Amino acid sequence: LMHHVAGQVLDADALAEQGSRMVLMGNPKQGVEYLREALRLNDRHVNAYVYLGLAKQSISETEPGMRLGSSDLIEAAWAYSRALELAPEMTDASSVTKYLGMVLELLGRHEEAVTWLEKGIERDPTNHDLLYTLARNLDSVGRIEEAISAYRETAKIQNSAMVHGRLCSLKKYTAHDEDFQEMEDLLETETDTKKAAYLGFALGKAYGDIKDYDSAFHHLEQANRRMSKVFVTAGSGHSMDGVRERAHTIKHAFTADPIDGHPLYSASATPIFIVGLPRSGSTLVEK
């Protein structure tokens, strides 16, 4: 990149300004070129680091598949952390810390996220977004009691469907739990279909904990109906016809014939143990 525009030679400040403008206009890839050049001229340019982080985070959102090894997210995390190291008291420190926490969470670097987010909360203890992001990462590293406490602090500032949607998986409810009334009240006034679905799933789990299965199934059924509407409205292809078609395709693709005819097929009853395979789901330890 030649650091001049319309015949004018650009210094680091001008390059950073041009790059940030590109990012804000929805052209992050071109913005990255200007921002990197600005940092080549001045490797302590805080604003260039911030916008480089925003640009690379934006680019990563267009990547298909898993993000654990995303080079764009890795660079975004580096840029955000470098900005905070250089200017921890900057005006936008809380926002940058939130973005850094989110990026590190996507990369699976939860311990690092916790460290940065705790520093951010020391500076801004009532920031809802920082507390909520911290709670998620504490949950991911198994610090459950601390995660519950962080969700509680988040709810004190701004109670929401998302908080209860996360909190419900970390605790077992009792019959006189105050969360029941909080969730029921939120559900009555929630106008966002997706958030109402999250509340329904949370209430379904909560009523299941106290063995009120009629109420549990009522809320779960309503939540599923709401979530189906969300998928269809969003145009994500998650319609019932789409689900049936996919199931039909899988059923006809994975038959016994290709397995029986595979050269590595063996009818041996000797068990095979697959270890270290990533999985998703939950184990209901309390049951």
Protein backbone atom coordinates (compact mmCIF):
# COMPACT_ATOMS: atom_id res chain seq x y z
CA LEU A 1 0.00 0.00 0.00
CA MET A 2 1.43 3.36 -1.00
CA HIS A 3 0.68 5.64 1.94
CA HIS A 4 -0.71 8.52 -0.02
CA VAL A 5 -4.23 9.41 -1.20
CA ALA A 6 -4.95 11.87 -4.02
CA GLY A 7 -1.27 12.86 -4.10
CA GLN A 8 -1.10 13.60 -0.36
CA VAL A 9 1.45 11.74 1.78
CA LEU A 10 -0.26 10.21 4.81
CA ASP A 11 1.27 9.87 8.26
CA ALA A 12 0.22 7.23 10.80
CA ASP A 13 -2.69 9.33 12.10
CA ALA A 14 -4.08 9.93 8.63
CA LEU A 15 -3.67 6.27 7.68
CA ALA A 16 -5.42 5.18 10.87
CA GLU A 17 -8.26 7.61 10.21
CA GLN A 18 -8.64 6.37 6.64
CA GLY A 19 -8.58 2.75 7.81
CA SER A 20 -11.15 3.34 10.53
CA ARG A 21 -13.39 5.08 8.01
CA MET A 22 -13.17 2.05 5.74
CA VAL A 23 -14.14 -0.26 8.62
CA LEU A 24 -17.11 1.91 9.57
CA MET A 25 -18.25 2.02 5.93
CA GLY A 26 -18.37 -1.79 5.82
CA ASN A 27 -15.11 -2.41 3.97
CA PRO A 28 -12.94 -4.03 6.67
CA LYS A 29 -10.53 -5.79 4.31
CA GLN A 30 -9.42 -2.56 2.70
CA GLY A 31 -9.38 -0.90 6.11
CA VAL A 32 -6.91 -3.52 7.35
CA GLU A 33 -4.36 -2.40 4.74
CA TYR A 34 -4.41 1.21 5.96
CA LEU A 35 -4.39 0.21 9.63
CA ARG A 36 -1.44 -2.15 9.25
CA GLU A 37 0.48 0.55 7.42
CA ALA A 38 -0.33 3.02 10.20
CA LEU A 39 1.05 0.56 12.75
CA ARG A 40 4.16 0.01 10.66
CA LEU A 41 4.84 3.74 10.96
CA ASN A 42 3.78 3.95 14.62
CA ASP A 43 3.48 0.70 16.56
CA ARG A 44 1.95 2.52 19.55
CA HIS A 45 -1.06 3.93 17.70
CA VAL A 46 -3.94 2.91 19.98
CA ASN A 47 -6.78 3.81 17.63
CA ALA A 48 -5.21 1.80 14.80
CA TYR A 49 -5.09 -1.26 17.05
CA VAL A 50 -8.73 -0.84 18.08
CA TYR A 51 -9.98 -0.55 14.51
CA LEU A 52 -7.73 -3.37 13.34
CA GLY A 53 -9.41 -5.53 15.98
CA LEU A 54 -12.86 -4.44 14.79
CA ALA A 55 -11.92 -5.09 11.17
CA LYS A 56 -10.53 -8.58 11.76
CA GLN A 57 -13.45 -9.50 14.03
CA SER A 58 -15.85 -8.36 11.30
CA ILE A 59 -13.98 -10.37 8.63
CA SER A 60 -14.09 -13.48 10.84
CA GLU A 61 -17.89 -13.36 10.86
CA THR A 62 -17.88 -14.24 7.16
CA GLU A 63 -15.74 -17.34 7.71
CA PRO A 64 -17.49 -20.71 7.38
CA GLY A 65 -17.21 -23.41 10.04
CA MET A 66 -15.47 -23.40 13.39
CA ARG A 67 -13.49 -20.38 14.57
CA LEU A 68 -11.11 -21.93 17.12
CA GLY A 69 -8.15 -21.55 14.78
CA SER A 70 -9.29 -18.41 12.97
CA SER A 71 -6.30 -16.28 12.04
CA ASP A 72 -8.59 -13.25 11.83
CA LEU A 73 -9.84 -13.74 15.39
CA ILE A 74 -6.31 -14.37 16.64
CA GLU A 75 -5.17 -11.08 15.12
CA ALA A 76 -8.24 -9.29 16.48
CA ALA A 77 -7.47 -10.55 20.00
CA TRP A 78 -3.86 -9.39 19.65
CA ALA A 79 -4.92 -5.95 18.40
CA TYR A 80 -7.49 -5.39 21.15
CA SER A 81 -5.12 -6.53 23.91
CA ARG A 82 -2.32 -4.34 22.53
CA ALA A 83 -4.64 -1.31 22.57
CA LEU A 84 -5.58 -1.98 26.21
CA GLU A 85 -1.96 -2.50 27.20
CA LEU A 86 -1.03 0.86 25.70
CA ALA A 87 -4.05 2.80 26.98
CA PRO A 88 -5.93 0.95 29.75
CA GLU A 89 -7.80 4.14 30.72
CA MET A 90 -8.95 5.06 27.21
CA THR A 91 -12.49 6.37 26.83
CA ASP A 92 -13.70 3.21 25.08
CA ALA A 93 -11.81 0.77 27.35
CA SER A 94 -14.98 -1.05 28.45
CA SER A 95 -16.17 -1.60 24.87
CA VAL A 96 -12.73 -2.78 23.73
CA THR A 97 -12.52 -5.12 26.73
CA LYS A 98 -15.95 -6.54 25.90
CA TYR A 99 -14.92 -7.19 22.29
CA LEU A 100 -11.67 -8.78 23.44
CA GLY A 101 -13.58 -11.03 25.84
CA MET A 102 -15.97 -12.08 23.07
CA VAL A 103 -13.12 -12.84 20.65
CA LEU A 104 -11.17 -14.85 23.22
CA GLU A 105 -14.37 -16.74 24.05
CA LEU A 106 -14.81 -17.67 20.38
CA LEU A 107 -11.18 -18.82 20.28
CA GLY A 108 -11.73 -21.01 23.35
CA ARG A 109 -9.22 -18.98 25.37
CA HIS A 110 -11.58 -18.56 28.31
CA GLU A 111 -8.99 -18.09 31.08
CA GLU A 112 -7.47 -15.16 29.19
CA ALA A 113 -10.95 -13.73 28.66
CA VAL A 114 -11.67 -13.94 32.39
CA THR A 115 -8.43 -12.13 33.22
CA TRP A 116 -9.13 -9.24 30.84
CA LEU A 117 -12.80 -8.98 31.78
CA GLU A 118 -12.02 -8.88 35.50
CA LYS A 119 -9.61 -6.00 34.84
CA GLY A 120 -12.35 -4.24 32.88
CA ILE A 121 -14.87 -4.68 35.69
CA GLU A 122 -12.41 -3.22 38.19
CA ARG A 123 -12.54 -0.03 36.12
CA ASP A 124 -16.27 -0.22 35.31
CA PRO A 125 -18.01 -2.42 37.94
CA THR A 126 -21.59 -1.80 36.77
CA ASN A 127 -21.04 -2.54 33.08
CA HIS A 128 -23.74 -5.05 32.10
CA ASP A 129 -21.95 -6.34 29.00
CA LEU A 130 -18.66 -6.96 30.82
CA LEU A 131 -20.40 -8.84 33.65
CA TYR A 132 -22.45 -10.95 31.26
CA THR A 133 -19.42 -11.86 29.12
CA LEU A 134 -17.42 -12.64 32.27
CA ALA A 135 -20.19 -14.94 33.53
CA ARG A 136 -20.18 -16.92 30.26
CA ASN A 137 -16.43 -17.43 30.39
CA LEU A 138 -16.42 -18.36 34.08
CA ASP A 139 -19.04 -20.96 33.20
CA SER A 140 -16.82 -22.30 30.40
CA VAL A 141 -13.84 -22.85 32.74
CA GLY A 142 -15.95 -24.56 35.38
CA ARG A 143 -15.99 -21.76 37.95
CA ILE A 144 -19.71 -22.28 38.42
CA GLU A 145 -20.37 -20.45 41.69
CA GLU A 146 -18.50 -17.40 40.39
CA ALA A 147 -20.44 -17.60 37.12
CA ILE A 148 -23.75 -17.69 39.00
CA SER A 149 -22.65 -14.68 41.06
CA ALA A 150 -21.68 -12.78 37.89
CA TYR A 151 -25.06 -13.56 36.29
CA ARG A 152 -26.77 -12.33 39.47
CA GLU A 153 -24.84 -9.07 39.34
CA THR A 154 -25.76 -8.74 35.66
CA ALA A 155 -29.46 -9.24 36.48
CA LYS A 156 -29.33 -6.53 39.16
CA ILE A 157 -28.24 -4.04 36.52
CA GLN A 158 -30.52 -5.31 33.75
CA ASN A 159 -32.60 -8.44 34.19
CA SER A 160 -33.09 -10.24 30.90
CA ALA A 161 -34.11 -13.42 29.14
CA MET A 162 -30.51 -14.09 28.14
CA VAL A 163 -29.32 -14.04 31.76
CA HIS A 164 -31.96 -16.54 32.87
CA GLY A 165 -31.37 -18.62 29.75
CA ARG A 166 -27.75 -19.06 30.82
CA LEU A 167 -28.34 -19.23 34.56
CA CYS A 168 -30.85 -22.08 34.35
CA SER A 169 -28.19 -24.57 33.22
CA LEU A 170 -25.98 -23.83 36.25
CA LYS A 171 -28.41 -24.38 39.09
CA LYS A 172 -31.13 -26.67 40.37
CA TYR A 173 -34.34 -24.87 41.23
CA THR A 174 -36.40 -25.30 44.39
CA ALA A 175 -40.13 -24.82 44.82
CA HIS A 176 -39.81 -21.40 46.44
CA ASP A 177 -37.08 -20.08 44.16
CA GLU A 178 -37.51 -16.35 43.43
CA ASP A 179 -36.34 -16.93 39.86
CA PHE A 180 -39.71 -18.47 38.96
CA GLN A 181 -41.57 -15.19 39.47
CA GLU A 182 -38.82 -13.18 37.81
CA MET A 183 -38.93 -15.37 34.69
CA GLU A 184 -42.75 -15.46 34.58
CA ASP A 185 -42.88 -11.64 34.87
CA LEU A 186 -40.27 -11.22 32.13
CA LEU A 187 -42.12 -13.65 29.87
CA GLU A 188 -45.37 -11.67 30.20
CA THR A 189 -43.74 -8.48 28.95
CA GLU A 190 -41.14 -9.86 26.51
CA THR A 191 -41.96 -8.84 22.95
CA ASP A 192 -38.92 -10.40 21.28
CA THR A 193 -39.88 -13.90 20.10
CA LYS A 194 -36.39 -15.36 20.44
CA LYS A 195 -35.88 -14.00 23.96
CA ALA A 196 -39.33 -15.28 24.95
CA ALA A 197 -38.27 -18.71 23.69
CA TYR A 198 -35.14 -18.61 25.88
CA LEU A 199 -37.30 -17.77 28.89
CA GLY A 200 -39.63 -20.66 28.02
CA PHE A 201 -36.74 -23.11 27.85
CA ALA A 202 -35.44 -21.80 31.19
CA LEU A 203 -38.87 -22.14 32.80
CA GLY A 204 -39.22 -25.63 31.36
CA LYS A 205 -35.96 -26.66 33.00
CA ALA A 206 -36.90 -24.95 36.28
CA TYR A 207 -40.32 -26.62 36.53
CA GLY A 208 -38.72 -29.93 35.64
CA ASP A 209 -36.37 -29.51 38.60
CA ILE A 210 -39.32 -29.31 41.00
CA LYS A 211 -41.11 -32.16 39.19
CA ASP A 212 -43.99 -29.99 37.96
CA TYR A 213 -43.88 -31.69 34.59
CA ASP A 214 -47.18 -30.32 33.26
CA SER A 215 -45.88 -26.76 33.61
CA ALA A 216 -42.47 -27.80 32.28
CA PHE A 217 -43.89 -29.32 29.10
CA HIS A 218 -46.25 -26.38 28.62
CA HIS A 219 -43.36 -23.90 28.63
CA LEU A 220 -41.10 -26.13 26.51
CA GLU A 221 -43.81 -26.60 23.90
CA GLN A 222 -44.43 -22.85 23.70
CA ALA A 223 -40.69 -22.18 23.53
CA ASN A 224 -40.26 -24.62 20.64
CA ARG A 225 -43.11 -22.98 18.75
CA ARG A 226 -41.55 -19.56 19.26
CA MET A 227 -38.11 -20.75 18.17
CA SER A 228 -39.59 -22.32 15.03
CA LYS A 229 -41.08 -18.93 14.15
CA VAL A 230 -37.68 -17.30 14.69
CA PHE A 231 -35.97 -19.71 12.29
CA VAL A 232 -38.61 -19.28 9.59
CA THR A 233 -38.75 -15.48 9.97
CA ALA A 234 -34.97 -15.22 9.79
CA GLY A 235 -34.97 -17.14 6.53
CA SER A 236 -32.43 -19.57 7.95
CA GLY A 237 -33.99 -22.56 6.24
CA HIS A 238 -35.00 -24.14 9.53
CA SER A 239 -38.56 -25.00 8.55
CA MET A 240 -40.29 -28.27 9.34
CA ASP A 241 -40.24 -29.16 5.64
CA GLY A 242 -36.50 -28.53 5.63
CA VAL A 243 -36.01 -30.72 8.70
CA ARG A 244 -38.01 -33.55 7.14
CA GLU A 245 -36.09 -33.27 3.87
CA ARG A 246 -32.73 -33.38 5.68
CA ALA A 247 -33.80 -36.39 7.75
CA HIS A 248 -34.94 -38.15 4.56
CA THR A 249 -31.59 -37.43 2.89
CA ILE A 250 -29.62 -38.78 5.86
CA LYS A 251 -31.79 -41.87 6.08
CA HIS A 252 -31.18 -42.78 2.45
CA ALA A 253 -27.51 -41.84 2.42
CA PHE A 254 -26.43 -43.86 5.44
CA THR A 255 -27.71 -47.35 4.73
CA ALA A 256 -26.08 -50.68 5.51
CA ASP A 257 -25.08 -51.33 1.88
CA PRO A 258 -22.10 -48.97 1.57
CA ILE A 259 -20.88 -50.01 5.01
CA ASP A 260 -21.06 -53.73 4.24
CA GLY A 261 -19.20 -53.18 0.99
CA HIS A 262 -16.43 -51.02 2.47
CA PRO A 263 -12.97 -52.67 2.34
CA LEU A 264 -12.34 -51.79 6.01
CA TYR A 265 -15.67 -53.19 7.21
CA SER A 266 -15.42 -55.90 9.85
CA ALA A 267 -18.19 -57.90 11.48
CA SER A 268 -16.05 -58.42 14.58
CA ALA A 269 -17.76 -57.81 17.91
CA THR A 270 -14.54 -56.44 19.40
CA PRO A 271 -15.34 -53.01 20.85
CA ILE A 272 -13.61 -49.92 19.55
CA PHE A 273 -13.03 -47.07 22.01
CA ILE A 274 -12.91 -43.57 20.55
CA VAL A 275 -11.22 -41.21 22.98
CA GLY A 276 -10.65 -37.47 22.91
CA LEU A 277 -13.52 -36.84 20.51
CA PRO A 278 -15.15 -33.41 21.01
CA ARG A 279 -18.84 -33.60 21.80
CA SER A 280 -21.70 -31.31 22.65
CA GLY A 281 -24.57 -31.77 25.03
CA SER A 282 -25.11 -31.81 28.77
CA THR A 283 -24.72 -34.43 31.46
CA LEU A 284 -27.38 -34.16 34.15
CA VAL A 285 -25.11 -34.97 37.08
CA GLU A 286 -27.76 -34.22 39.69
CA LYS A 287 -29.99 -36.97 38.28
